[in-house]
Amino acid sequence: MIVMPHKASTAASYCTSGVLACGGVISNFMHSVEQYVDWGTISAIAGILIGIATFWVNRRNQRKRTRAYIEALERGNITPPK
């Protein structure tokens, strides 16, 4: 089995995002947590922001990986897939 840390960190980040977003929705139903601070809205927004940030970091890393692969192909270091 190959361990891929980027896959584990992505999964952890998406799970955190999902838990926060769902926690926000659940907390909105139980809005009596505190009178002046709406923790449900705060956690829902935080979950959405973490999900968006994870998407952009993954996109940037995938582009870097693709560019490195293309450059290695051009140098002849690796062979193209069949």
N, C-alpha and C. Protein backbone atom coordinates (compact mmCIF):
# COMPACT_ATOMS: atom_id res chain seq x y z
N MET A 1 0.84 -1.18 0.00
CA MET A 1 0.00 0.00 0.00
C MET A 1 0.88 1.24 0.00
N ILE A 2 0.59 2.17 -0.89
CA ILE A 2 1.35 3.41 -0.99
C ILE A 2 0.68 4.47 -0.13
N VAL A 3 1.46 5.11 0.72
CA VAL A 3 0.93 6.19 1.56
C VAL A 3 1.13 7.51 0.82
N MET A 4 0.03 8.23 0.60
CA MET A 4 0.09 9.50 -0.10
C MET A 4 -0.36 10.59 0.86
N PRO A 5 0.60 11.35 1.45
CA PRO A 5 0.22 12.34 2.45
C PRO A 5 -0.70 13.42 1.91
N HIS A 6 -0.56 13.78 0.63
CA HIS A 6 -1.44 14.82 0.09
C HIS A 6 -2.89 14.34 0.05
N LYS A 7 -3.10 13.06 -0.16
CA LYS A 7 -4.47 12.52 -0.15
C LYS A 7 -5.04 12.53 1.27
N ALA A 8 -4.21 12.20 2.25
CA ALA A 8 -4.67 12.17 3.64
C ALA A 8 -5.00 13.58 4.12
N SER A 9 -4.15 14.54 3.77
CA SER A 9 -4.43 15.92 4.23
C SER A 9 -5.66 16.48 3.53
N THR A 10 -5.85 16.13 2.28
CA THR A 10 -7.05 16.58 1.57
C THR A 10 -8.30 15.99 2.21
N ALA A 11 -8.27 14.71 2.49
CA ALA A 11 -9.42 14.06 3.12
C ALA A 11 -9.71 14.68 4.49
N ALA A 12 -8.66 14.93 5.26
CA ALA A 12 -8.85 15.53 6.58
C ALA A 12 -9.44 16.93 6.47
N SER A 13 -8.97 17.69 5.50
CA SER A 13 -9.48 19.05 5.34
C SER A 13 -10.94 19.05 4.90
N TYR A 14 -11.30 18.19 3.95
CA TYR A 14 -12.69 18.11 3.51
C TYR A 14 -13.60 17.60 4.64
N CYS A 15 -13.10 16.66 5.42
CA CYS A 15 -13.89 16.16 6.56
C CYS A 15 -14.12 17.27 7.58
N THR A 16 -13.07 18.05 7.86
CA THR A 16 -13.21 19.17 8.79
C THR A 16 -14.22 20.17 8.26
N SER A 17 -14.13 20.46 6.99
CA SER A 17 -15.07 21.39 6.36
C SER A 17 -16.50 20.88 6.49
N GLY A 18 -16.70 19.62 6.19
CA GLY A 18 -18.04 19.04 6.26
C GLY A 18 -18.59 19.02 7.68
N VAL A 19 -17.73 18.67 8.64
CA VAL A 19 -18.17 18.64 10.04
C VAL A 19 -18.56 20.04 10.50
N LEU A 20 -17.74 21.04 10.15
CA LEU A 20 -18.07 22.40 10.56
C LEU A 20 -19.35 22.90 9.90
N ALA A 21 -19.51 22.62 8.61
CA ALA A 21 -20.72 23.07 7.92
C ALA A 21 -21.96 22.39 8.49
N CYS A 22 -21.88 21.07 8.70
CA CYS A 22 -23.03 20.36 9.28
C CYS A 22 -23.26 20.79 10.72
N GLY A 23 -22.17 21.02 11.45
CA GLY A 23 -22.31 21.49 12.82
C GLY A 23 -22.99 22.84 12.88
N GLY A 24 -22.71 23.68 11.90
CA GLY A 24 -23.36 24.98 11.84
C GLY A 24 -24.85 24.86 11.61
N VAL A 25 -25.23 23.96 10.74
CA VAL A 25 -26.65 23.75 10.47
C VAL A 25 -27.36 23.20 11.70
N ILE A 26 -26.74 22.22 12.34
CA ILE A 26 -27.33 21.64 13.55
C ILE A 26 -27.42 22.68 14.66
N SER A 27 -26.36 23.46 14.79
CA SER A 27 -26.34 24.49 15.84
C SER A 27 -27.39 25.56 15.59
N ASN A 28 -27.71 25.83 14.34
CA ASN A 28 -28.75 26.80 14.04
C ASN A 28 -30.10 26.33 14.56
N PHE A 29 -30.32 25.01 14.52
CA PHE A 29 -31.57 24.48 15.06
C PHE A 29 -31.61 24.59 16.58
N MET A 30 -30.45 24.56 17.17
CA MET A 30 -30.36 24.66 18.62
C MET A 30 -29.80 26.04 18.99
N HIS A 31 -30.42 27.06 18.50
CA HIS A 31 -29.91 28.43 18.59
C HIS A 31 -29.86 28.99 20.00
N SER A 32 -30.23 28.24 20.97
CA SER A 32 -30.19 28.75 22.34
C SER A 32 -28.83 28.52 23.00
N VAL A 33 -27.78 28.23 22.19
CA VAL A 33 -26.45 27.99 22.74
C VAL A 33 -25.95 29.24 23.47
N GLU A 34 -26.04 30.34 22.82
CA GLU A 34 -25.67 31.61 23.43
C GLU A 34 -26.53 32.70 22.82
N GLN A 35 -26.85 33.69 23.59
CA GLN A 35 -27.84 34.67 23.16
C GLN A 35 -27.31 35.64 22.11
N TYR A 36 -26.07 36.07 22.22
CA TYR A 36 -25.58 37.14 21.35
C TYR A 36 -24.69 36.67 20.20
N VAL A 37 -24.20 35.46 20.25
CA VAL A 37 -23.31 34.96 19.21
C VAL A 37 -23.98 33.77 18.55
N ASP A 38 -24.10 33.81 17.24
CA ASP A 38 -24.71 32.71 16.50
C ASP A 38 -23.60 31.77 16.03
N TRP A 39 -23.25 30.81 16.90
CA TRP A 39 -22.16 29.90 16.61
C TRP A 39 -22.47 29.02 15.40
N GLY A 40 -23.71 28.77 15.14
CA GLY A 40 -24.08 27.96 13.98
C GLY A 40 -23.66 28.62 12.69
N THR A 41 -23.95 29.90 12.57
CA THR A 41 -23.56 30.64 11.36
C THR A 41 -22.05 30.73 11.25
N ILE A 42 -21.38 30.98 12.37
CA ILE A 42 -19.92 31.08 12.35
C ILE A 42 -19.29 29.77 11.90
N SER A 43 -19.74 28.63 12.45
CA SER A 43 -19.14 27.35 12.05
C SER A 43 -19.51 26.96 10.63
N ALA A 44 -20.72 27.31 10.18
CA ALA A 44 -21.09 27.01 8.79
C ALA A 44 -20.23 27.79 7.82
N ILE A 45 -20.02 29.06 8.10
CA ILE A 45 -19.17 29.89 7.24
C ILE A 45 -17.72 29.40 7.27
N ALA A 46 -17.22 29.04 8.46
CA ALA A 46 -15.86 28.52 8.57
C ALA A 46 -15.71 27.23 7.77
N GLY A 47 -16.70 26.34 7.83
CA GLY A 47 -16.64 25.10 7.07
C GLY A 47 -16.61 25.33 5.58
N ILE A 48 -17.43 26.27 5.13
CA ILE A 48 -17.45 26.60 3.70
C ILE A 48 -16.11 27.19 3.26
N LEU A 49 -15.55 28.08 4.06
CA LEU A 49 -14.27 28.71 3.72
C LEU A 49 -13.14 27.68 3.69
N ILE A 50 -13.14 26.75 4.63
CA ILE A 50 -12.11 25.70 4.64
C ILE A 50 -12.25 24.82 3.40
N GLY A 51 -13.47 24.49 3.01
CA GLY A 51 -13.68 23.70 1.79
C GLY A 51 -13.19 24.41 0.55
N ILE A 52 -13.47 25.70 0.44
CA ILE A 52 -13.02 26.48 -0.71
C ILE A 52 -11.49 26.59 -0.73
N ALA A 53 -10.90 26.84 0.44
CA ALA A 53 -9.43 26.94 0.51
C ALA A 53 -8.79 25.61 0.13
N THR A 54 -9.36 24.50 0.58
CA THR A 54 -8.82 23.19 0.23
C THR A 54 -8.89 22.95 -1.28
N PHE A 55 -10.00 23.35 -1.89
CA PHE A 55 -10.15 23.20 -3.33
C PHE A 55 -9.04 23.94 -4.07
N TRP A 56 -8.79 25.19 -3.68
CA TRP A 56 -7.78 25.99 -4.39
C TRP A 56 -6.37 25.48 -4.14
N VAL A 57 -6.07 25.02 -2.95
CA VAL A 57 -4.74 24.46 -2.67
C VAL A 57 -4.54 23.19 -3.48
N ASN A 58 -5.55 22.33 -3.54
CA ASN A 58 -5.44 21.11 -4.34
C ASN A 58 -5.28 21.43 -5.83
N ARG A 59 -6.00 22.42 -6.29
CA ARG A 59 -5.89 22.82 -7.70
C ARG A 59 -4.48 23.31 -8.03
N ARG A 60 -3.91 24.14 -7.13
CA ARG A 60 -2.56 24.65 -7.33
C ARG A 60 -1.55 23.51 -7.32
N ASN A 61 -1.68 22.60 -6.36
CA ASN A 61 -0.75 21.48 -6.29
C ASN A 61 -0.86 20.56 -7.49
N GLN A 62 -2.06 20.33 -7.99
CA GLN A 62 -2.23 19.49 -9.17
C GLN A 62 -1.59 20.13 -10.40
N ARG A 63 -1.74 21.45 -10.52
CA ARG A 63 -1.10 22.14 -11.65
C ARG A 63 0.42 22.03 -11.57
N LYS A 64 0.98 22.18 -10.36
CA LYS A 64 2.42 22.06 -10.19
C LYS A 64 2.88 20.65 -10.56
N ARG A 65 2.13 19.63 -10.12
CA ARG A 65 2.46 18.25 -10.44
C ARG A 65 2.40 18.00 -11.94
N THR A 66 1.37 18.55 -12.59
CA THR A 66 1.22 18.37 -14.03
C THR A 66 2.35 19.05 -14.79
N ARG A 67 2.69 20.28 -14.38
CA ARG A 67 3.80 20.98 -15.03
C ARG A 67 5.11 20.21 -14.88
N ALA A 68 5.37 19.69 -13.68
CA ALA A 68 6.59 18.92 -13.45
C ALA A 68 6.61 17.66 -14.32
N TYR A 69 5.47 17.02 -14.48
CA TYR A 69 5.38 15.83 -15.31
C TYR A 69 5.66 16.17 -16.77
N ILE A 70 5.06 17.27 -17.25
CA ILE A 70 5.27 17.69 -18.65
C ILE A 70 6.73 18.05 -18.89
N GLU A 71 7.33 18.77 -17.93
CA GLU A 71 8.75 19.12 -18.08
C GLU A 71 9.63 17.88 -18.09
N ALA A 72 9.31 16.88 -17.27
CA ALA A 72 10.08 15.64 -17.26
C ALA A 72 9.91 14.89 -18.58
N LEU A 73 8.70 14.92 -19.14
CA LEU A 73 8.49 14.30 -20.45
C LEU A 73 9.32 14.98 -21.52
N GLU A 74 9.36 16.32 -21.49
CA GLU A 74 10.12 17.06 -22.50
C GLU A 74 11.61 16.79 -22.38
N ARG A 75 12.10 16.58 -21.14
CA ARG A 75 13.51 16.27 -20.94
C ARG A 75 13.82 14.82 -21.28
N GLY A 76 12.80 13.99 -21.37
CA GLY A 76 12.99 12.59 -21.68
C GLY A 76 13.28 11.74 -20.46
N ASN A 77 13.04 12.27 -19.29
CA ASN A 77 13.31 11.53 -18.06
C ASN A 77 12.30 10.42 -17.80
N ILE A 78 11.09 10.58 -18.30
CA ILE A 78 10.06 9.57 -18.10
C ILE A 78 9.38 9.31 -19.44
N THR A 79 8.70 8.20 -19.54
CA THR A 79 8.00 7.89 -20.78
C THR A 79 6.52 8.23 -20.63
N PRO A 80 5.89 8.64 -21.72
CA PRO A 80 4.45 8.97 -21.63
C PRO A 80 3.62 7.72 -21.38
N PRO A 81 2.46 7.88 -20.77
CA PRO A 81 1.58 6.71 -20.55
C PRO A 81 1.04 6.18 -21.87
N LYS A 82 0.74 4.88 -21.89
CA LYS A 82 0.25 4.25 -23.14
C LYS A 82 -1.23 4.17 -23.17
